[in-house]
Amino acid sequence: MKCKPVLSGALALALTSLTACAEFTPVDDSAIHEGGSGVEAETVYRVAFNQPEGHPQYVALTHLGERMRDETGGKCALEVFPNESLGPQADTIELVQAGSVDFSMVAGSLMENFNPDFVVFNLPYVFDSKEHQREVLDDPEITEDLFSSLEDKNISVVAGFHGGIRNVYNSVQPVETPEDLAGMKIRVIESDTNITMMKQMGGSGAPMGQGEVYTAIQSGILEGGENNESIYANLSHDEVAPYYSYTQHLMFPDYLISNPTTLERMDPECRAFLESDIANTTAEEGELWNEEVDRSHEMAVEAGAEFNDVDIEAFRTAVQPLIDDSLGNDVTRKLYADVRAAAE
């Protein structure tokens, strides 16, 4: 595998090693001062983050911390710790619950461990676009009950963030319909839901660590994977799987979480600024994602990748049984209906 320019600093290295990062250890002062974004204020609130400094979420959160410092006259700020320097996501949730870490950005799939109803936002084709997702996540009439359901577990959802759009790529041919995936082994996130999803999409889901995918495709163990353009280009999967097809099947949100007690104890001016400015942060993150996707697309094309559109309705129809099976109660069915209504 040859090296090529990396879009966002240490992005490729960090994404490759996410599954092999540090074991959980209690956060102490020596850990706090290693690798943070370096903002200074009278009170600095720590934000755990599992990806590198160039990631759109890191940049947007760092800017939020700087604005907080400036607008409060140095009274408070956020400091973002990337690359799992405060621990893997699942562990940082526990640290937030214990009050040892002030905030953490976590994947939507992890929230299902605390309330299975979060599955609605993780289903294939629940969101039509990044803009639709943003509208839903910003609408308290849709999200308030779901987000507040975690308060008794010492988790407050501060905001939902865009986490990229996942598409299928492979080494064989362009994919336009589910039939085109027949016989292909496609790397998926390790879960029964995602294995079922890929089967219904026409392929065979193969759970595997992200760092193993390049070699597995190169050697023929896999035919491809499914992920956003940034990971596709920055991990050089375009070199071994040049056909990238816009199935747009998954659009997981990520969530910035805190502890209710942490929020209650924040200086009132600092908390007021956080609540008033978080919408600017999610908007900036969305714009940064657009730039990231454009640059990644250009990198992949230069590496020889081919991009194509697909018959989205054929894939939607194929995964409908999974969606129906996942909506197992009145709460999830209503939540799903509300999300879909927002797209109309």
Protein backbone atom coordinates (compact mmCIF):
# COMPACT_ATOMS: atom_id res chain seq x y z
CA MET A 1 0.00 0.00 0.00
CA LYS A 2 1.62 3.24 -1.11
CA CYS A 3 1.30 6.45 0.89
CA LYS A 4 -0.50 9.46 -0.46
CA PRO A 5 -1.27 12.94 0.86
CA VAL A 6 -3.60 12.81 3.83
CA LEU A 7 -6.45 15.29 3.80
CA SER A 8 -6.68 16.04 7.46
CA GLY A 9 -3.31 15.69 9.14
CA ALA A 10 -3.22 12.42 11.08
CA LEU A 11 -6.62 11.29 9.79
CA ALA A 12 -5.56 8.10 8.02
CA LEU A 13 -3.37 6.89 10.88
CA ALA A 14 -5.97 7.62 13.51
CA LEU A 15 -8.84 6.07 11.57
CA THR A 16 -6.80 2.94 10.94
CA SER A 17 -6.01 2.50 14.62
CA LEU A 18 -9.32 3.42 16.22
CA THR A 19 -10.08 -0.15 17.22
CA ALA A 20 -6.70 -0.56 18.88
CA CYS A 21 -6.48 2.62 20.92
CA ALA A 22 -5.76 2.99 24.60
CA GLU A 23 -7.40 0.88 27.24
CA PHE A 24 -9.58 2.64 29.79
CA THR A 25 -7.67 4.32 32.59
CA PRO A 26 -8.95 6.93 35.02
CA VAL A 27 -8.34 10.44 33.75
CA ASP A 28 -5.65 12.27 35.71
CA ASP A 29 -3.83 15.57 35.31
CA SER A 30 -1.04 14.06 33.22
CA ALA A 31 -3.56 12.79 30.69
CA ILE A 32 -5.48 16.06 30.70
CA HIS A 33 -2.53 18.09 29.47
CA GLU A 34 -1.48 15.78 26.67
CA GLY A 35 -2.86 16.36 23.21
CA GLY A 36 -5.66 18.82 23.95
CA SER A 37 -6.50 21.78 21.74
CA GLY A 38 -4.72 24.08 24.19
CA VAL A 39 -7.35 26.74 24.82
CA GLU A 40 -6.89 28.56 28.15
CA ALA A 41 -9.50 30.03 30.50
CA GLU A 42 -10.30 30.24 34.22
CA THR A 43 -12.36 27.05 33.84
CA VAL A 44 -11.68 24.62 31.00
CA TYR A 45 -14.27 21.95 30.24
CA ARG A 46 -12.78 18.79 28.75
CA VAL A 47 -14.28 17.22 25.62
CA ALA A 48 -13.34 13.62 24.76
CA PHE A 49 -13.07 12.95 21.03
CA ASN A 50 -12.07 9.75 19.23
CA GLN A 51 -10.87 11.11 15.89
CA PRO A 52 -7.99 13.33 14.72
CA GLU A 53 -7.56 17.09 14.72
CA GLY A 54 -8.59 17.58 11.09
CA HIS A 55 -12.04 16.04 11.57
CA PRO A 56 -14.95 18.47 10.99
CA GLN A 57 -16.32 17.82 14.48
CA TYR A 58 -12.98 18.52 16.13
CA VAL A 59 -12.57 21.79 14.25
CA ALA A 60 -16.11 22.95 14.99
CA LEU A 61 -15.90 22.07 18.70
CA THR A 62 -12.52 23.77 19.01
CA HIS A 63 -13.96 26.92 17.49
CA LEU A 64 -16.88 26.69 19.93
CA GLY A 65 -14.40 26.54 22.82
CA GLU A 66 -12.54 29.57 21.51
CA ARG A 67 -15.75 31.57 21.06
CA MET A 68 -16.83 30.63 24.59
CA ARG A 69 -13.54 31.91 25.96
CA ASP A 70 -13.77 35.16 24.02
CA GLU A 71 -17.43 35.87 24.74
CA THR A 72 -17.08 35.21 28.48
CA GLY A 73 -13.91 37.23 28.85
CA GLY A 74 -11.77 34.19 29.57
CA LYS A 75 -14.12 32.85 32.23
CA CYS A 76 -14.53 29.43 30.57
CA ALA A 77 -13.76 27.43 27.45
CA LEU A 78 -13.95 23.95 25.96
CA GLU A 79 -10.78 21.97 25.28
CA VAL A 80 -11.07 19.07 22.84
CA PHE A 81 -8.88 15.97 23.30
CA PRO A 82 -8.63 14.03 20.01
CA ASN A 83 -7.46 10.54 19.04
CA GLU A 84 -9.05 8.82 22.05
CA SER A 85 -6.51 10.49 24.35
CA LEU A 86 -9.16 10.38 27.10
CA GLY A 87 -10.21 6.85 26.18
CA PRO A 88 -12.41 5.01 23.65
CA GLN A 89 -15.94 6.30 23.16
CA ALA A 90 -17.67 3.67 25.29
CA ASP A 91 -15.33 4.39 28.18
CA THR A 92 -15.75 8.14 27.89
CA ILE A 93 -19.51 7.72 28.27
CA GLU A 94 -18.81 6.17 31.67
CA LEU A 95 -16.42 9.01 32.50
CA VAL A 96 -19.11 11.54 31.61
CA GLN A 97 -21.62 9.68 33.76
CA ALA A 98 -19.15 9.76 36.66
CA GLY A 99 -18.36 13.45 36.09
CA SER A 100 -14.67 12.73 35.40
CA VAL A 101 -14.93 14.13 31.85
CA ASP A 102 -17.18 17.06 31.09
CA PHE A 103 -18.27 16.25 27.52
CA SER A 104 -17.79 13.50 24.95
CA MET A 105 -18.66 13.06 21.29
CA VAL A 106 -20.09 9.56 20.82
CA ALA A 107 -21.51 7.49 17.97
CA GLY A 108 -25.26 7.15 17.70
CA SER A 109 -25.06 3.36 17.80
CA LEU A 110 -23.66 3.50 21.36
CA MET A 111 -26.75 5.34 22.57
CA GLU A 112 -28.84 2.25 21.88
CA ASN A 113 -27.13 0.65 24.88
CA PHE A 114 -28.92 3.17 27.12
CA ASN A 115 -32.22 3.46 25.26
CA PRO A 116 -32.93 1.07 22.37
CA ASP A 117 -35.28 3.65 20.86
CA PHE A 118 -32.21 5.49 19.53
CA VAL A 119 -32.16 2.77 16.86
CA VAL A 120 -34.58 4.86 14.80
CA PHE A 121 -31.88 7.38 13.90
CA ASN A 122 -29.48 4.55 13.00
CA LEU A 123 -31.69 2.76 10.49
CA PRO A 124 -30.97 2.68 6.76
CA TYR A 125 -32.61 5.45 4.75
CA VAL A 126 -34.23 7.11 7.76
CA PHE A 127 -32.68 10.40 6.58
CA ASP A 128 -32.89 11.58 2.98
CA SER A 129 -30.03 14.06 3.20
CA LYS A 130 -27.67 15.85 5.56
CA GLU A 131 -30.12 18.76 5.57
CA HIS A 132 -33.02 16.49 6.52
CA GLN A 133 -30.96 15.02 9.33
CA ARG A 134 -30.06 18.50 10.59
CA GLU A 135 -33.72 19.55 10.57
CA VAL A 136 -34.69 16.50 12.64
CA LEU A 137 -31.86 16.78 15.16
CA ASP A 138 -32.67 20.46 15.71
CA ASP A 139 -36.40 19.88 16.21
CA PRO A 140 -37.25 19.42 19.92
CA GLU A 141 -40.74 18.22 19.03
CA ILE A 142 -39.09 15.14 17.52
CA THR A 143 -36.05 14.67 19.76
CA GLU A 144 -36.93 16.05 23.21
CA ASP A 145 -38.44 12.90 24.70
CA LEU A 146 -35.74 10.68 23.23
CA PHE A 147 -32.85 12.86 24.36
CA SER A 148 -34.27 13.49 27.84
CA SER A 149 -34.81 9.75 28.36
CA LEU A 150 -31.13 9.43 29.32
CA GLU A 151 -31.14 12.03 32.09
CA ASP A 152 -31.75 9.42 34.79
CA LYS A 153 -28.66 7.58 33.49
CA ASN A 154 -26.53 10.72 34.03
CA ILE A 155 -26.40 11.54 30.33
CA SER A 156 -27.56 14.80 28.76
CA VAL A 157 -27.57 15.11 24.98
CA VAL A 158 -26.29 18.59 24.21
CA ALA A 159 -26.67 18.28 20.43
CA GLY A 160 -26.69 15.84 17.55
CA PHE A 161 -23.99 16.13 14.87
CA HIS A 162 -23.64 14.90 11.31
CA GLY A 163 -21.34 11.89 11.01
CA GLY A 164 -21.04 11.43 7.26
CA ILE A 165 -23.03 9.43 4.71
CA ARG A 166 -22.09 5.81 4.13
CA ASN A 167 -21.99 4.34 0.62
CA VAL A 168 -20.84 1.04 -0.87
CA TYR A 169 -17.53 0.61 -2.69
CA ASN A 170 -15.98 -2.50 -4.24
CA SER A 171 -13.26 -3.93 -6.46
CA VAL A 172 -15.53 -5.62 -9.03
CA GLN A 173 -17.96 -3.28 -10.77
CA PRO A 174 -20.21 -0.24 -10.38
CA VAL A 175 -23.27 -1.01 -8.26
CA GLU A 176 -26.62 0.34 -9.38
CA THR A 177 -29.13 -2.16 -7.93
CA PRO A 178 -29.09 -4.77 -5.14
CA GLU A 179 -28.53 -7.46 -7.77
CA ASP A 180 -25.14 -5.92 -8.56
CA LEU A 181 -23.91 -6.75 -5.04
CA ALA A 182 -24.65 -10.47 -5.42
CA GLY A 183 -21.69 -12.60 -4.36
CA MET A 184 -19.74 -9.68 -2.88
CA LYS A 185 -18.41 -9.73 0.67
CA ILE A 186 -18.66 -6.18 2.02
CA ARG A 187 -17.13 -5.02 5.28
CA VAL A 188 -19.75 -3.68 7.71
CA ILE A 189 -19.82 -2.40 11.29
CA GLU A 190 -19.90 -5.34 13.67
CA SER A 191 -23.59 -5.78 14.51
CA ASP A 192 -26.37 -8.18 13.56
CA THR A 193 -28.36 -5.24 12.22
CA ASN A 194 -25.64 -4.25 9.76
CA ILE A 195 -25.06 -7.83 8.63
CA THR A 196 -28.78 -8.16 7.95
CA MET A 197 -28.83 -4.81 6.18
CA MET A 198 -26.06 -5.81 3.78
CA LYS A 199 -27.73 -9.14 3.07
CA GLN A 200 -30.94 -7.36 2.15
CA MET A 201 -28.96 -4.90 0.02
CA GLY A 202 -27.77 -7.88 -2.04
CA GLY A 203 -24.30 -8.56 -0.63
CA SER A 204 -22.79 -10.47 2.25
CA GLY A 205 -21.88 -8.44 5.35
CA ALA A 206 -18.46 -9.20 6.82
CA PRO A 207 -17.64 -7.54 10.18
CA MET A 208 -13.99 -6.54 10.37
CA GLY A 209 -11.78 -3.94 12.01
CA GLN A 210 -11.30 -0.88 9.83
CA GLY A 211 -7.52 -1.26 9.84
CA GLU A 212 -7.78 -4.69 8.17
CA VAL A 213 -10.02 -3.70 5.26
CA TYR A 214 -7.39 -2.51 2.76
CA THR A 215 -5.42 -5.76 2.92
CA ALA A 216 -8.58 -7.87 2.93
CA ILE A 217 -9.80 -6.26 -0.30
CA GLN A 218 -6.34 -6.39 -1.84
CA SER A 219 -6.06 -10.12 -1.13
CA GLY A 220 -9.62 -10.95 -2.23
CA ILE A 221 -10.96 -11.84 1.21
CA LEU A 222 -13.40 -8.97 0.74
CA GLU A 223 -14.77 -7.36 -2.38
CA GLY A 224 -15.41 -4.02 -0.69
CA GLY A 225 -16.67 -1.94 2.18
CA GLU A 226 -19.17 0.78 3.02
CA ASN A 227 -18.25 4.15 4.43
CA ASN A 228 -18.12 7.87 3.71
CA GLU A 229 -15.87 9.45 1.07
CA SER A 230 -13.41 10.75 3.66
CA ILE A 231 -12.52 7.32 5.04
CA TYR A 232 -12.61 5.81 1.55
CA ALA A 233 -10.00 8.25 0.25
CA ASN A 234 -7.87 8.80 3.35
CA LEU A 235 -7.43 5.08 4.04
CA SER A 236 -6.58 4.53 0.34
CA HIS A 237 -9.40 2.06 -0.20
CA ASP A 238 -9.82 3.76 -3.59
CA GLU A 239 -6.60 1.99 -4.64
CA VAL A 240 -8.04 -1.50 -4.17
CA ALA A 241 -11.78 -0.87 -4.57
CA PRO A 242 -12.16 1.76 -7.30
CA TYR A 243 -15.95 1.55 -7.71
CA TYR A 244 -17.77 3.88 -5.28
CA SER A 245 -21.55 3.81 -5.54
CA TYR A 246 -23.84 6.35 -3.86
CA THR A 247 -26.19 3.97 -2.06
CA GLN A 248 -26.47 6.53 0.79
CA HIS A 249 -27.80 3.77 3.01
CA LEU A 250 -26.68 5.03 6.43
CA MET A 251 -26.36 8.45 8.01
CA PHE A 252 -25.60 7.90 11.71
CA PRO A 253 -25.74 10.98 13.93
CA ASP A 254 -23.07 11.51 16.55
CA TYR A 255 -23.96 13.13 19.87
CA LEU A 256 -22.20 15.60 22.12
CA ILE A 257 -23.10 14.45 25.63
CA SER A 258 -22.53 15.70 29.15
CA ASN A 259 -23.68 14.90 32.67
CA PRO A 260 -26.80 16.75 33.92
CA THR A 261 -24.93 17.66 37.10
CA THR A 262 -21.97 18.98 35.08
CA LEU A 263 -24.31 21.26 33.15
CA GLU A 264 -26.07 22.42 36.32
CA ARG A 265 -22.72 23.33 37.89
CA MET A 266 -21.46 25.30 34.90
CA ASP A 267 -21.15 29.02 35.38
CA PRO A 268 -24.52 30.43 34.18
CA GLU A 269 -22.86 32.66 31.60
CA CYS A 270 -20.88 29.74 30.22
CA ARG A 271 -23.86 27.44 30.03
CA ALA A 272 -26.00 30.14 28.41
CA PHE A 273 -23.33 30.67 25.77
CA LEU A 274 -23.07 26.93 25.12
CA GLU A 275 -26.82 26.61 24.65
CA SER A 276 -27.07 29.68 22.43
CA ASP A 277 -24.04 28.92 20.25
CA ILE A 278 -24.31 25.17 19.74
CA ALA A 279 -26.43 25.70 16.61
CA ASN A 280 -23.57 27.71 15.09
CA THR A 281 -21.27 24.81 15.89
CA THR A 282 -23.41 22.18 14.18
CA ALA A 283 -23.88 24.49 11.18
CA GLU A 284 -20.12 24.97 10.88
CA GLU A 285 -19.56 21.24 11.19
CA GLY A 286 -21.99 20.68 8.30
CA GLU A 287 -20.08 23.10 6.09
CA LEU A 288 -16.78 21.48 7.02
CA TRP A 289 -18.20 18.08 6.06
CA ASN A 290 -19.09 19.49 2.62
CA GLU A 291 -15.49 20.62 2.16
CA GLU A 292 -14.15 17.29 3.43
CA VAL A 293 -16.32 15.31 1.02
CA ASP A 294 -15.33 17.51 -1.93
CA ARG A 295 -11.61 17.12 -1.20
CA SER A 296 -11.92 13.39 -0.57
CA HIS A 297 -13.82 12.93 -3.82
CA GLU A 298 -11.10 14.78 -5.71
CA MET A 299 -8.38 12.68 -4.07
CA ALA A 300 -10.18 9.46 -4.95
CA VAL A 301 -10.73 10.47 -8.58
CA GLU A 302 -7.03 11.28 -8.89
CA ALA A 303 -6.32 7.78 -7.55
CA GLY A 304 -8.50 6.27 -10.28
CA ALA A 305 -11.82 5.82 -8.47
CA GLU A 306 -15.11 5.86 -10.35
CA PHE A 307 -18.26 7.27 -8.72
CA ASN A 308 -21.80 6.46 -9.76
CA ASP A 309 -25.39 6.99 -8.67
CA VAL A 310 -27.70 4.06 -7.88
CA ASP A 311 -31.38 3.16 -7.93
CA ILE A 312 -32.05 4.44 -4.40
CA GLU A 313 -35.65 3.23 -4.37
CA ALA A 314 -34.54 -0.33 -5.14
CA PHE A 315 -32.25 -0.28 -2.10
CA ARG A 316 -34.89 1.38 0.10
CA THR A 317 -37.35 -1.36 -0.81
CA ALA A 318 -34.77 -4.07 -0.19
CA VAL A 319 -34.07 -2.99 3.41
CA GLN A 320 -37.68 -2.22 4.37
CA PRO A 321 -38.08 -5.58 6.19
CA LEU A 322 -35.16 -4.63 8.47
CA ILE A 323 -36.75 -1.26 9.19
CA ASP A 324 -40.11 -2.86 9.97
CA ASP A 325 -38.53 -5.42 12.30
CA SER A 326 -36.58 -2.70 14.13
CA LEU A 327 -39.64 -0.60 14.91
CA GLY A 328 -40.89 -2.82 17.69
CA ASN A 329 -43.00 -0.46 19.80
CA ASP A 330 -45.30 2.55 19.54
CA VAL A 331 -42.51 4.96 20.53
CA THR A 332 -40.16 3.91 17.74
CA ARG A 333 -42.93 3.75 15.17
CA LYS A 334 -44.06 7.29 16.00
CA LEU A 335 -40.50 8.58 16.08
CA TYR A 336 -39.79 7.05 12.69
CA ALA A 337 -43.01 8.50 11.28
CA ASP A 338 -42.08 11.94 12.60
CA VAL A 339 -38.62 11.74 11.03
CA ARG A 340 -40.02 10.71 7.68
CA ALA A 341 -42.69 13.43 7.82
CA ALA A 342 -39.93 16.01 8.22
CA ALA A 343 -38.57 14.97 4.83
CA GLU A 344 -41.80 15.83 3.03
